[in-house]
């Protein structure tokens, strides 16, 4: 796979299958859950994929693994540099520790403390930066030049997208094992690496399924882009609780994939996200972070007509500060 792919790049069924085999030793095959309460509420059959139970606490492990496991011996010597608001950094640091390679993760100063602490606990170097004064890509490029580290972006990377595609293929396979065919699938979205890859993965098995991205209100660059037919930047105003989903514009690689594979984009409010977090805690007994709860929020809030349909939703992560989580569920 070319590290500088054309903008019409998309992972093939063969590449996704190869990635699944590659990461299988390290990644958990998370289950598919159902909730009678949610099914009644939505008047649908809702399949829940809890990637908050994945190692490192989110789906991001899949993309990080797929990239790191394809580093050459010389590249492993130089290590990895990545930037992340949290979950990508946690995944990179987990993978680096597992493979015995160095990692530096650039994180915004306001990133959740549990994510910063988690990256450090895995042995990676954390370099905090000020988003108002510094450009993370420039810092990362400088570190890469000085140390020989390989840059692993959080979403706009063919290896990472293919790693996330394993999730979509796994979901479709698990639902097929239940003698069901999906009508719809909803995935959280920020830069688009997850939903782009997952859509490709689902469509290798269930090409008829309609895929939707879900973003926070005012950070819905993918929804705006899909509606207009060209990449658009969201206003990025207000304070979203979804710290993991604050990229205002889709990626160069991810948007063309989504334009081909997605039926549309949805957005949810802070209140709707918090209600979904409460629901997951109360009914599913799961800890889900705000960004990980947006697809569930869209279902509960009725953002899409799902009546009598078979729907898959992803809970994408569970890395949330204890104090904030307590405030959400009380």
C-alpha atoms as a PDB file:
ATOM      1  CA  UNK A   1       0.000   0.000   0.000  1.00  0.00           C
ATOM      2  CA  UNK A   2       1.465   3.382  -1.013  1.00  0.00           C
ATOM      3  CA  UNK A   3       2.081   5.814   1.850  1.00  0.00           C
ATOM      4  CA  UNK A   4       1.199   8.659  -0.556  1.00  0.00           C
ATOM      5  CA  UNK A   5      -1.971   7.246  -2.087  1.00  0.00           C
ATOM      6  CA  UNK A   6      -4.186   8.976  -4.628  1.00  0.00           C
ATOM      7  CA  UNK A   7      -7.170  10.804  -3.216  1.00  0.00           C
ATOM      8  CA  UNK A   8      -9.466   8.077  -4.531  1.00  0.00           C
ATOM      9  CA  UNK A   9      -7.776   5.581  -2.182  1.00  0.00           C
ATOM     10  CA  UNK A  10     -10.044   3.097  -0.453  1.00  0.00           C
ATOM     11  CA  UNK A  11      -9.144  -0.190   1.232  1.00  0.00           C
ATOM     12  CA  UNK A  12     -10.080  -3.319  -0.693  1.00  0.00           C
ATOM     13  CA  UNK A  13     -11.698  -6.406   0.805  1.00  0.00           C
ATOM     14  CA  UNK A  14      -8.357  -8.204   0.515  1.00  0.00           C
ATOM     15  CA  UNK A  15      -6.441  -5.425   2.272  1.00  0.00           C
ATOM     16  CA  UNK A  16      -9.035  -5.331   5.071  1.00  0.00           C
ATOM     17  CA  UNK A  17      -8.833  -9.115   5.520  1.00  0.00           C
ATOM     18  CA  UNK A  18      -5.044  -8.896   5.636  1.00  0.00           C
ATOM     19  CA  UNK A  19      -5.251  -6.149   8.259  1.00  0.00           C
ATOM     20  CA  UNK A  20      -7.612  -8.264  10.379  1.00  0.00           C
ATOM     21  CA  UNK A  21      -5.132 -11.132  10.333  1.00  0.00           C
ATOM     22  CA  UNK A  22      -2.256  -8.744  11.065  1.00  0.00           C
ATOM     23  CA  UNK A  23      -3.798  -7.176  14.186  1.00  0.00           C
ATOM     24  CA  UNK A  24      -5.591 -10.279  15.524  1.00  0.00           C
ATOM     25  CA  UNK A  25      -2.858 -11.107  18.043  1.00  0.00           C
ATOM     26  CA  UNK A  26      -3.238  -7.729  19.747  1.00  0.00           C
ATOM     27  CA  UNK A  27      -6.818  -6.502  19.208  1.00  0.00           C
ATOM     28  CA  UNK A  28      -9.939  -7.797  20.944  1.00  0.00           C
ATOM     29  CA  UNK A  29     -12.866  -8.990  18.827  1.00  0.00           C
ATOM     30  CA  UNK A  30     -15.421  -6.961  20.738  1.00  0.00           C
ATOM     31  CA  UNK A  31     -18.946  -8.406  20.956  1.00  0.00           C
ATOM     32  CA  UNK A  32     -22.264  -7.335  19.500  1.00  0.00           C
ATOM     33  CA  UNK A  33     -24.830  -6.405  22.149  1.00  0.00           C
ATOM     34  CA  UNK A  34     -28.564  -5.761  22.125  1.00  0.00           C
ATOM     35  CA  UNK A  35     -30.787  -3.899  24.564  1.00  0.00           C
ATOM     36  CA  UNK A  36     -34.480  -4.670  24.779  1.00  0.00           C
ATOM     37  CA  UNK A  37     -35.012  -1.168  26.137  1.00  0.00           C
ATOM     38  CA  UNK A  38     -33.246   0.461  23.190  1.00  0.00           C
ATOM     39  CA  UNK A  39     -35.021  -1.778  20.680  1.00  0.00           C
ATOM     40  CA  UNK A  40     -38.383  -0.751  22.116  1.00  0.00           C
ATOM     41  CA  UNK A  41     -37.412   2.912  22.246  1.00  0.00           C
ATOM     42  CA  UNK A  42     -36.261   2.927  18.620  1.00  0.00           C
ATOM     43  CA  UNK A  43     -38.878   0.432  17.415  1.00  0.00           C
ATOM     44  CA  UNK A  44     -35.973  -1.277  15.646  1.00  0.00           C
ATOM     45  CA  UNK A  45     -33.410  -4.016  16.072  1.00  0.00           C
ATOM     46  CA  UNK A  46     -30.290  -2.187  17.194  1.00  0.00           C
ATOM     47  CA  UNK A  47     -26.931  -3.948  17.255  1.00  0.00           C
ATOM     48  CA  UNK A  48     -24.412  -2.263  19.570  1.00  0.00           C
ATOM     49  CA  UNK A  49     -20.658  -2.652  19.010  1.00  0.00           C
ATOM     50  CA  UNK A  50     -18.824  -1.632  22.229  1.00  0.00           C
ATOM     51  CA  UNK A  51     -15.311  -0.662  21.122  1.00  0.00           C
ATOM     52  CA  UNK A  52     -14.965   1.091  24.458  1.00  0.00           C
ATOM     53  CA  UNK A  53     -14.049  -2.456  25.574  1.00  0.00           C
ATOM     54  CA  UNK A  54     -11.157  -2.559  23.099  1.00  0.00           C
ATOM     55  CA  UNK A  55      -7.593  -2.508  24.418  1.00  0.00           C
ATOM     56  CA  UNK A  56      -6.500   1.119  24.963  1.00  0.00           C
ATOM     57  CA  UNK A  57     -10.189   1.936  25.415  1.00  0.00           C
ATOM     58  CA  UNK A  58     -11.196   2.747  21.847  1.00  0.00           C
ATOM     59  CA  UNK A  59     -11.352   1.658  18.206  1.00  0.00           C
ATOM     60  CA  UNK A  60      -8.176   3.646  17.542  1.00  0.00           C
ATOM     61  CA  UNK A  61      -6.078   0.615  18.453  1.00  0.00           C
ATOM     62  CA  UNK A  62      -6.953  -1.022  15.138  1.00  0.00           C
ATOM     63  CA  UNK A  63      -5.508   1.704  12.938  1.00  0.00           C
ATOM     64  CA  UNK A  64      -2.471   2.192  15.161  1.00  0.00           C
ATOM     65  CA  UNK A  65      -1.714  -1.518  15.066  1.00  0.00           C
ATOM     66  CA  UNK A  66      -2.126  -1.810  11.317  1.00  0.00           C
ATOM     67  CA  UNK A  67       0.389   1.010  10.800  1.00  0.00           C
ATOM     68  CA  UNK A  68       2.930   0.024  13.447  1.00  0.00           C
ATOM     69  CA  UNK A  69       3.010  -3.642  12.457  1.00  0.00           C
ATOM     70  CA  UNK A  70       4.070  -2.622   8.937  1.00  0.00           C
ATOM     71  CA  UNK A  71       7.046  -0.513  10.027  1.00  0.00           C
ATOM     72  CA  UNK A  72      10.390  -1.741   8.716  1.00  0.00           C
ATOM     73  CA  UNK A  73      13.115  -2.654  11.241  1.00  0.00           C
ATOM     74  CA  UNK A  74      14.833   0.679  10.503  1.00  0.00           C
ATOM     75  CA  UNK A  75      11.571   2.581  11.032  1.00  0.00           C
ATOM     76  CA  UNK A  76      11.004   0.813  14.342  1.00  0.00           C
ATOM     77  CA  UNK A  77      14.390   2.081  15.474  1.00  0.00           C
ATOM     78  CA  UNK A  78      13.252   5.653  14.900  1.00  0.00           C
ATOM     79  CA  UNK A  79       9.916   5.104  16.627  1.00  0.00           C
ATOM     80  CA  UNK A  80       6.618   6.903  16.090  1.00  0.00           C
ATOM     81  CA  UNK A  81       5.432  10.464  16.479  1.00  0.00           C
ATOM     82  CA  UNK A  82       1.688  11.178  16.523  1.00  0.00           C
ATOM     83  CA  UNK A  83      -0.732  13.924  17.497  1.00  0.00           C
ATOM     84  CA  UNK A  84      -3.964  13.303  19.292  1.00  0.00           C
ATOM     85  CA  UNK A  85      -6.600  14.738  21.614  1.00  0.00           C
ATOM     86  CA  UNK A  86      -6.401  11.407  23.404  1.00  0.00           C
ATOM     87  CA  UNK A  87      -7.598   8.123  21.941  1.00  0.00           C
ATOM     88  CA  UNK A  88      -5.167   7.932  19.030  1.00  0.00           C
ATOM     89  CA  UNK A  89      -2.381   8.785  21.461  1.00  0.00           C
ATOM     90  CA  UNK A  90      -3.508   6.088  23.872  1.00  0.00           C
ATOM     91  CA  UNK A  91      -3.589   3.574  21.041  1.00  0.00           C
ATOM     92  CA  UNK A  92      -0.157   4.577  19.704  1.00  0.00           C
ATOM     93  CA  UNK A  93       1.380   4.431  23.190  1.00  0.00           C
ATOM     94  CA  UNK A  94      -0.198   1.011  23.852  1.00  0.00           C
ATOM     95  CA  UNK A  95       1.050  -0.367  20.546  1.00  0.00           C
ATOM     96  CA  UNK A  96       4.521   1.116  21.002  1.00  0.00           C
ATOM     97  CA  UNK A  97       4.782  -0.497  24.425  1.00  0.00           C
ATOM     98  CA  UNK A  98       3.581  -3.851  23.087  1.00  0.00           C
ATOM     99  CA  UNK A  99       6.077  -3.776  20.204  1.00  0.00           C
ATOM    100  CA  UNK A 100       8.963  -2.311  22.177  1.00  0.00           C
ATOM    101  CA  UNK A 101       9.365   0.889  20.156  1.00  0.00           C
ATOM    102  CA  UNK A 102       9.569   4.554  21.135  1.00  0.00           C
ATOM    103  CA  UNK A 103       6.648   6.926  20.777  1.00  0.00           C
ATOM    104  CA  UNK A 104       6.112  10.662  21.169  1.00  0.00           C
ATOM    105  CA  UNK A 105       2.536  11.933  21.316  1.00  0.00           C
ATOM    106  CA  UNK A 106       1.614  15.592  20.876  1.00  0.00           C
ATOM    107  CA  UNK A 107      -1.488  16.442  22.913  1.00  0.00           C
ATOM    108  CA  UNK A 108      -3.368  19.713  23.432  1.00  0.00           C
ATOM    109  CA  UNK A 109      -2.986  21.201  26.887  1.00  0.00           C
ATOM    110  CA  UNK A 110      -6.713  20.843  27.529  1.00  0.00           C
ATOM    111  CA  UNK A 111      -6.870  17.126  26.644  1.00  0.00           C
ATOM    112  CA  UNK A 112      -8.615  15.001  29.307  1.00  0.00           C
ATOM    113  CA  UNK A 113      -6.273  14.221  32.178  1.00  0.00           C
ATOM    114  CA  UNK A 114      -7.084  10.508  32.043  1.00  0.00           C
ATOM    115  CA  UNK A 115      -5.899  10.402  28.427  1.00  0.00           C
ATOM    116  CA  UNK A 116      -2.667  12.315  29.091  1.00  0.00           C
ATOM    117  CA  UNK A 117      -1.921  10.144  32.116  1.00  0.00           C
ATOM    118  CA  UNK A 118      -2.737   6.993  30.169  1.00  0.00           C
ATOM    119  CA  UNK A 119      -0.314   7.839  27.362  1.00  0.00           C
ATOM    120  CA  UNK A 120       2.446   8.507  29.877  1.00  0.00           C
ATOM    121  CA  UNK A 121       1.643   5.318  31.811  1.00  0.00           C
ATOM    122  CA  UNK A 122       2.225   3.350  28.612  1.00  0.00           C
ATOM    123  CA  UNK A 123       5.756   4.772  28.453  1.00  0.00           C
ATOM    124  CA  UNK A 124       5.342   7.294  25.630  1.00  0.00           C
ATOM    125  CA  UNK A 125       6.691  10.828  25.739  1.00  0.00           C
ATOM    126  CA  UNK A 126       3.917  13.421  25.908  1.00  0.00           C
ATOM    127  CA  UNK A 127       4.567  16.834  24.392  1.00  0.00           C
ATOM    128  CA  UNK A 128       1.745  19.216  25.355  1.00  0.00           C
ATOM    129  CA  UNK A 129       1.066  22.088  22.969  1.00  0.00           C
ATOM    130  CA  UNK A 130      -0.998  25.270  22.892  1.00  0.00           C
ATOM    131  CA  UNK A 131      -3.569  25.043  20.073  1.00  0.00           C
ATOM    132  CA  UNK A 132      -3.810  28.841  19.905  1.00  0.00           C
ATOM    133  CA  UNK A 133      -0.104  29.327  19.268  1.00  0.00           C
ATOM    134  CA  UNK A 134       1.341  26.089  17.895  1.00  0.00           C
ATOM    135  CA  UNK A 135       0.627  23.818  14.918  1.00  0.00           C
ATOM    136  CA  UNK A 136       0.822  20.151  15.860  1.00  0.00           C
ATOM    137  CA  UNK A 137       1.730  19.018  12.343  1.00  0.00           C
ATOM    138  CA  UNK A 138       4.717  21.361  12.317  1.00  0.00           C
ATOM    139  CA  UNK A 139       5.904  20.140  15.713  1.00  0.00           C
ATOM    140  CA  UNK A 140       5.490  16.527  14.620  1.00  0.00           C
ATOM    141  CA  UNK A 141       7.396  17.085  11.376  1.00  0.00           C
ATOM    142  CA  UNK A 142      10.289  18.678  13.290  1.00  0.00           C
ATOM    143  CA  UNK A 143      10.460  15.756  15.728  1.00  0.00           C
ATOM    144  CA  UNK A 144      10.367  13.286  12.830  1.00  0.00           C
ATOM    145  CA  UNK A 145      13.283  15.024  11.102  1.00  0.00           C
ATOM    146  CA  UNK A 146      15.332  15.209  14.299  1.00  0.00           C
ATOM    147  CA  UNK A 147      14.723  11.652  15.514  1.00  0.00           C
ATOM    148  CA  UNK A 148      13.878   9.619  12.419  1.00  0.00           C
ATOM    149  CA  UNK A 149      10.428   8.838  13.820  1.00  0.00           C
ATOM    150  CA  UNK A 150       7.587   7.841  11.507  1.00  0.00           C
ATOM    151  CA  UNK A 151       4.560  10.149  11.613  1.00  0.00           C
ATOM    152  CA  UNK A 152       1.299   8.268  12.193  1.00  0.00           C
ATOM    153  CA  UNK A 153      -1.628  10.685  11.684  1.00  0.00           C
ATOM    154  CA  UNK A 154      -4.881  10.048  13.555  1.00  0.00           C
ATOM    155  CA  UNK A 155      -7.140   9.608  10.520  1.00  0.00           C
ATOM    156  CA  UNK A 156      -5.871  10.765   7.106  1.00  0.00           C
ATOM    157  CA  UNK A 157      -3.578   7.805   6.497  1.00  0.00           C
ATOM    158  CA  UNK A 158      -4.178   4.697   4.338  1.00  0.00           C
ATOM    159  CA  UNK A 159      -2.849   2.254   6.933  1.00  0.00           C
ATOM    160  CA  UNK A 160      -4.963   3.812   9.673  1.00  0.00           C
ATOM    161  CA  UNK A 161      -8.108   3.885   7.527  1.00  0.00           C
ATOM    162  CA  UNK A 162      -7.588   0.230   6.601  1.00  0.00           C
ATOM    163  CA  UNK A 163      -7.135  -0.657  10.253  1.00  0.00           C
ATOM    164  CA  UNK A 164     -10.437   1.015  11.113  1.00  0.00           C
ATOM    165  CA  UNK A 165     -12.047  -0.846   8.207  1.00  0.00           C
ATOM    166  CA  UNK A 166     -11.506  -4.081  10.139  1.00  0.00           C
ATOM    167  CA  UNK A 167     -14.150  -2.825  12.543  1.00  0.00           C
ATOM    168  CA  UNK A 168     -16.809  -2.446   9.882  1.00  0.00           C
ATOM    169  CA  UNK A 169     -16.081  -5.826   8.366  1.00  0.00           C
ATOM    170  CA  UNK A 170     -16.162  -7.427  11.809  1.00  0.00           C
ATOM    171  CA  UNK A 171     -19.543  -5.861  12.588  1.00  0.00           C
ATOM    172  CA  UNK A 172     -21.069  -7.067   9.315  1.00  0.00           C
ATOM    173  CA  UNK A 173     -19.646 -10.542   9.822  1.00  0.00           C
ATOM    174  CA  UNK A 174     -20.986 -10.785  13.385  1.00  0.00           C
ATOM    175  CA  UNK A 175     -24.460  -9.677  12.305  1.00  0.00           C
ATOM    176  CA  UNK A 176     -24.398 -12.021   9.333  1.00  0.00           C
ATOM    177  CA  UNK A 177     -23.646 -14.836  11.801  1.00  0.00           C
ATOM    178  CA  UNK A 178     -27.022 -14.007  13.379  1.00  0.00           C
ATOM    179  CA  UNK A 179     -28.755 -14.494  10.014  1.00  0.00           C
ATOM    180  CA  UNK A 180     -29.441 -10.761   9.743  1.00  0.00           C
ATOM    181  CA  UNK A 181     -28.755  -8.142   7.085  1.00  0.00           C
ATOM    182  CA  UNK A 182     -28.102  -4.543   8.068  1.00  0.00           C
ATOM    183  CA  UNK A 183     -30.266  -1.711   6.815  1.00  0.00           C
ATOM    184  CA  UNK A 184     -28.289   1.069   8.505  1.00  0.00           C
ATOM    185  CA  UNK A 185     -25.060   1.663  10.422  1.00  0.00           C
ATOM    186  CA  UNK A 186     -24.046   4.782  12.376  1.00  0.00           C
ATOM    187  CA  UNK A 187     -20.470   5.677  13.270  1.00  0.00           C
ATOM    188  CA  UNK A 188     -18.954   8.604  15.185  1.00  0.00           C
ATOM    189  CA  UNK A 189     -16.983  11.000  13.005  1.00  0.00           C
ATOM    190  CA  UNK A 190     -14.324  13.663  13.408  1.00  0.00           C
ATOM    191  CA  UNK A 191     -11.701  13.684  10.652  1.00  0.00           C
ATOM    192  CA  UNK A 192     -13.441  10.693   9.121  1.00  0.00           C
ATOM    193  CA  UNK A 193     -10.921   7.858   9.436  1.00  0.00           C
ATOM    194  CA  UNK A 194     -13.297   5.672  11.419  1.00  0.00           C
ATOM    195  CA  UNK A 195     -16.436   6.122   9.341  1.00  0.00           C
ATOM    196  CA  UNK A 196     -14.547   5.968   6.032  1.00  0.00           C
ATOM    197  CA  UNK A 197     -12.816   2.737   6.935  1.00  0.00           C
ATOM    198  CA  UNK A 198     -15.797   1.191   8.695  1.00  0.00           C
ATOM    199  CA  UNK A 199     -18.083   1.943   5.744  1.00  0.00           C
ATOM    200  CA  UNK A 200     -15.681   0.166   3.394  1.00  0.00           C
ATOM    201  CA  UNK A 201     -15.527  -2.767   5.808  1.00  0.00           C
ATOM    202  CA  UNK A 202     -19.306  -3.070   6.158  1.00  0.00           C
ATOM    203  CA  UNK A 203     -19.775  -2.813   2.396  1.00  0.00           C
ATOM    204  CA  UNK A 204     -17.417  -5.739   1.680  1.00  0.00           C
ATOM    205  CA  UNK A 205     -20.097  -7.974   3.210  1.00  0.00           C
ATOM    206  CA  UNK A 206     -23.314  -5.930   3.181  1.00  0.00           C
ATOM    207  CA  UNK A 207     -23.159  -3.471   0.269  1.00  0.00           C
ATOM    208  CA  UNK A 208     -26.830  -2.577   0.684  1.00  0.00           C
ATOM    209  CA  UNK A 209     -26.369  -1.045   4.160  1.00  0.00           C
ATOM    210  CA  UNK A 210     -26.766   2.732   4.397  1.00  0.00           C
ATOM    211  CA  UNK A 211     -23.933   4.289   6.446  1.00  0.00           C
ATOM    212  CA  UNK A 212     -24.215   7.570   8.353  1.00  0.00           C
ATOM    213  CA  UNK A 213     -21.621   9.682  10.133  1.00  0.00           C
ATOM    214  CA  UNK A 214     -22.535  11.288  13.461  1.00  0.00           C
ATOM    215  CA  UNK A 215     -20.790  14.440  14.722  1.00  0.00           C
ATOM    216  CA  UNK A 216     -21.285  17.055  17.450  1.00  0.00           C
ATOM    217  CA  UNK A 217     -23.348  20.112  16.574  1.00  0.00           C
ATOM    218  CA  UNK A 218     -21.184  22.885  15.069  1.00  0.00           C
ATOM    219  CA  UNK A 219     -18.372  20.401  14.432  1.00  0.00           C
ATOM    220  CA  UNK A 220     -20.242  18.591  11.662  1.00  0.00           C
ATOM    221  CA  UNK A 221     -17.842  19.124   8.789  1.00  0.00           C
ATOM    222  CA  UNK A 222     -18.545  15.709   7.285  1.00  0.00           C
ATOM    223  CA  UNK A 223     -22.316  16.234   7.284  1.00  0.00           C
ATOM    224  CA  UNK A 224     -21.911  19.652   5.643  1.00  0.00           C
ATOM    225  CA  UNK A 225     -19.485  18.236   3.091  1.00  0.00           C
ATOM    226  CA  UNK A 226     -21.732  15.323   2.174  1.00  0.00           C
ATOM    227  CA  UNK A 227     -24.705  17.655   1.772  1.00  0.00           C
ATOM    228  CA  UNK A 228     -22.815  20.116  -0.452  1.00  0.00           C
ATOM    229  CA  UNK A 229     -20.725  17.660  -2.460  1.00  0.00           C
ATOM    230  CA  UNK A 230     -17.438  19.397  -1.577  1.00  0.00           C
ATOM    231  CA  UNK A 231     -15.281  19.495   1.543  1.00  0.00           C
ATOM    232  CA  UNK A 232     -16.666  22.066   3.973  1.00  0.00           C
ATOM    233  CA  UNK A 233     -15.417  23.407   7.285  1.00  0.00           C
ATOM    234  CA  UNK A 234     -17.854  23.439  10.189  1.00  0.00           C
ATOM    235  CA  UNK A 235     -18.132  26.654  12.246  1.00  0.00           C
ATOM    236  CA  UNK A 236     -16.510  24.943  15.266  1.00  0.00           C
ATOM    237  CA  UNK A 237     -18.238  27.310  17.666  1.00  0.00           C
ATOM    238  CA  UNK A 238     -19.385  26.638  21.195  1.00  0.00           C
ATOM    239  CA  UNK A 239     -18.097  24.124  23.706  1.00  0.00           C
ATOM    240  CA  UNK A 240     -18.723  20.525  22.737  1.00  0.00           C
ATOM    241  CA  UNK A 241     -18.381  17.827  25.392  1.00  0.00           C
ATOM    242  CA  UNK A 242     -17.046  15.535  22.629  1.00  0.00           C
ATOM    243  CA  UNK A 243     -13.328  16.241  23.027  1.00  0.00           C
ATOM    244  CA  UNK A 244     -12.486  13.383  20.645  1.00  0.00           C
ATOM    245  CA  UNK A 245     -14.605  14.747  17.764  1.00  0.00           C
ATOM    246  CA  UNK A 246     -13.514  18.339  17.245  1.00  0.00           C
ATOM    247  CA  UNK A 247     -11.916  18.236  13.774  1.00  0.00           C
ATOM    248  CA  UNK A 248     -14.005  20.752  11.780  1.00  0.00           C
ATOM    249  CA  UNK A 249     -13.224  19.528   8.242  1.00  0.00           C
ATOM    250  CA  UNK A 250     -12.958  16.007   6.757  1.00  0.00           C
ATOM    251  CA  UNK A 251      -9.595  14.675   5.666  1.00  0.00           C
ATOM    252  CA  UNK A 252      -8.210  14.709   2.122  1.00  0.00           C
ATOM    253  CA  UNK A 253      -8.344  10.912   1.981  1.00  0.00           C
ATOM    254  CA  UNK A 254     -11.389  10.293   4.137  1.00  0.00           C
ATOM    255  CA  UNK A 255     -13.856  12.614   2.429  1.00  0.00           C
ATOM    256  CA  UNK A 256     -13.778  11.001  -1.043  1.00  0.00           C
ATOM    257  CA  UNK A 257     -14.333   7.595   0.560  1.00  0.00           C
ATOM    258  CA  UNK A 258     -17.251   8.925   2.557  1.00  0.00           C
ATOM    259  CA  UNK A 259     -18.718  10.669  -0.470  1.00  0.00           C
ATOM    260  CA  UNK A 260     -18.856   7.273  -2.187  1.00  0.00           C
ATOM    261  CA  UNK A 261     -19.920   5.107   0.742  1.00  0.00           C
ATOM    262  CA  UNK A 262     -22.086   7.250   3.044  1.00  0.00           C
ATOM    263  CA  UNK A 263     -25.793   7.995   2.747  1.00  0.00           C
ATOM    264  CA  UNK A 264     -25.499  11.165   4.832  1.00  0.00           C
ATOM    265  CA  UNK A 265     -24.333  12.818   8.021  1.00  0.00           C
ATOM    266  CA  UNK A 266     -26.059  13.554  11.327  1.00  0.00           C
ATOM    267  CA  UNK A 267     -25.233  15.797  14.283  1.00  0.00           C
ATOM    268  CA  UNK A 268     -26.175  15.748  17.969  1.00  0.00           C
ATOM    269  CA  UNK A 269     -26.208  18.271  20.811  1.00  0.00           C
ATOM    270  CA  UNK A 270     -24.386  18.153  24.134  1.00  0.00           C
ATOM    271  CA  UNK A 271     -27.615  17.352  25.941  1.00  0.00           C
ATOM    272  CA  UNK A 272     -28.359  14.486  23.566  1.00  0.00           C
ATOM    273  CA  UNK A 273     -24.850  13.089  24.039  1.00  0.00           C
ATOM    274  CA  UNK A 274     -25.094  13.260  27.827  1.00  0.00           C
ATOM    275  CA  UNK A 275     -28.453  11.474  27.727  1.00  0.00           C
ATOM    276  CA  UNK A 276     -26.812   8.715  25.664  1.00  0.00           C
ATOM    277  CA  UNK A 277     -23.976   8.414  28.204  1.00  0.00           C
ATOM    278  CA  UNK A 278     -26.573   8.038  30.955  1.00  0.00           C
ATOM    279  CA  UNK A 279     -28.463   5.442  28.935  1.00  0.00           C
ATOM    280  CA  UNK A 280     -25.308   3.395  28.309  1.00  0.00           C
ATOM    281  CA  UNK A 281     -24.455   3.491  32.003  1.00  0.00           C
ATOM    282  CA  UNK A 282     -27.980   2.704  33.183  1.00  0.00           C
ATOM    283  CA  UNK A 283     -29.119   0.153  30.613  1.00  0.00           C
ATOM    284  CA  UNK A 284     -25.910  -1.317  29.176  1.00  0.00           C
ATOM    285  CA  UNK A 285     -23.698  -1.025  32.281  1.00  0.00           C
ATOM    286  CA  UNK A 286     -20.997   0.553  30.115  1.00  0.00           C
ATOM    287  CA  UNK A 287     -18.739   3.574  30.562  1.00  0.00           C
ATOM    288  CA  UNK A 288     -18.765   5.533  27.296  1.00  0.00           C
ATOM    289  CA  UNK A 289     -17.005   8.843  26.680  1.00  0.00           C
ATOM    290  CA  UNK A 290     -18.921  11.694  25.000  1.00  0.00           C
ATOM    291  CA  UNK A 291     -17.388  11.240  21.555  1.00  0.00           C
ATOM    292  CA  UNK A 292     -18.025   7.522  21.792  1.00  0.00           C
ATOM    293  CA  UNK A 293     -21.722   8.014  22.501  1.00  0.00           C
ATOM    294  CA  UNK A 294     -22.810  10.124  19.514  1.00  0.00           C
ATOM    295  CA  UNK A 295     -24.208   7.258  17.415  1.00  0.00           C
ATOM    296  CA  UNK A 296     -26.282   6.067  20.368  1.00  0.00           C
ATOM    297  CA  UNK A 297     -27.367   9.672  20.932  1.00  0.00           C
ATOM    298  CA  UNK A 298     -28.588   9.915  17.341  1.00  0.00           C
ATOM    299  CA  UNK A 299     -30.747   6.820  17.789  1.00  0.00           C
ATOM    300  CA  UNK A 300     -32.220   7.922  21.132  1.00  0.00           C
ATOM    301  CA  UNK A 301     -32.875  11.449  19.838  1.00  0.00           C
ATOM    302  CA  UNK A 302     -34.610  10.151  16.719  1.00  0.00           C
ATOM    303  CA  UNK A 303     -32.238  11.824  14.256  1.00  0.00           C
ATOM    304  CA  UNK A 304     -32.979   9.147  11.658  1.00  0.00           C
ATOM    305  CA  UNK A 305     -36.023   7.036  10.818  1.00  0.00           C
ATOM    306  CA  UNK A 306     -34.986   3.560  11.964  1.00  0.00           C
ATOM    307  CA  UNK A 307     -38.417   2.053  12.636  1.00  0.00           C
ATOM    308  CA  UNK A 308     -38.618  -1.686  11.875  1.00  0.00           C
ATOM    309  CA  UNK A 309     -35.043  -1.619  10.574  1.00  0.00           C
ATOM    310  CA  UNK A 310     -31.873  -3.455  11.539  1.00  0.00           C
ATOM    311  CA  UNK A 311     -29.310  -0.910  12.683  1.00  0.00           C
ATOM    312  CA  UNK A 312     -25.699  -1.134  13.893  1.00  0.00           C
ATOM    313  CA  UNK A 313     -24.213   1.584  16.097  1.00  0.00           C
ATOM    314  CA  UNK A 314     -20.703   1.941  17.413  1.00  0.00           C
ATOM    315  CA  UNK A 315     -19.725   2.965  20.931  1.00  0.00           C
ATOM    316  CA  UNK A 316     -16.277   4.086  19.867  1.00  0.00           C
ATOM    317  CA  UNK A 317     -14.484   4.783  23.160  1.00  0.00           C
ATOM    318  CA  UNK A 318     -14.648   4.875  26.920  1.00  0.00           C
ATOM    319  CA  UNK A 319     -11.744   7.089  27.981  1.00  0.00           C
ATOM    320  CA  UNK A 320     -13.359   9.765  30.124  1.00  0.00           C
ATOM    321  CA  UNK A 321     -12.240  11.594  33.266  1.00  0.00           C
ATOM    322  CA  UNK A 322     -13.961  10.123  36.325  1.00  0.00           C
ATOM    323  CA  UNK A 323     -15.159  13.500  37.579  1.00  0.00           C
ATOM    324  CA  UNK A 324     -16.714  14.437  34.249  1.00  0.00           C
ATOM    325  CA  UNK A 325     -18.332  11.034  33.886  1.00  0.00           C
ATOM    326  CA  UNK A 326     -19.850  11.353  37.353  1.00  0.00           C
ATOM    327  CA  UNK A 327     -21.294  14.743  36.416  1.00  0.00           C
ATOM    328  CA  UNK A 328     -22.871  13.260  33.279  1.00  0.00           C
ATOM    329  CA  UNK A 329     -24.631  10.342  34.975  1.00  0.00           C
ATOM    330  CA  UNK A 330     -25.874  12.110  38.107  1.00  0.00           C
END
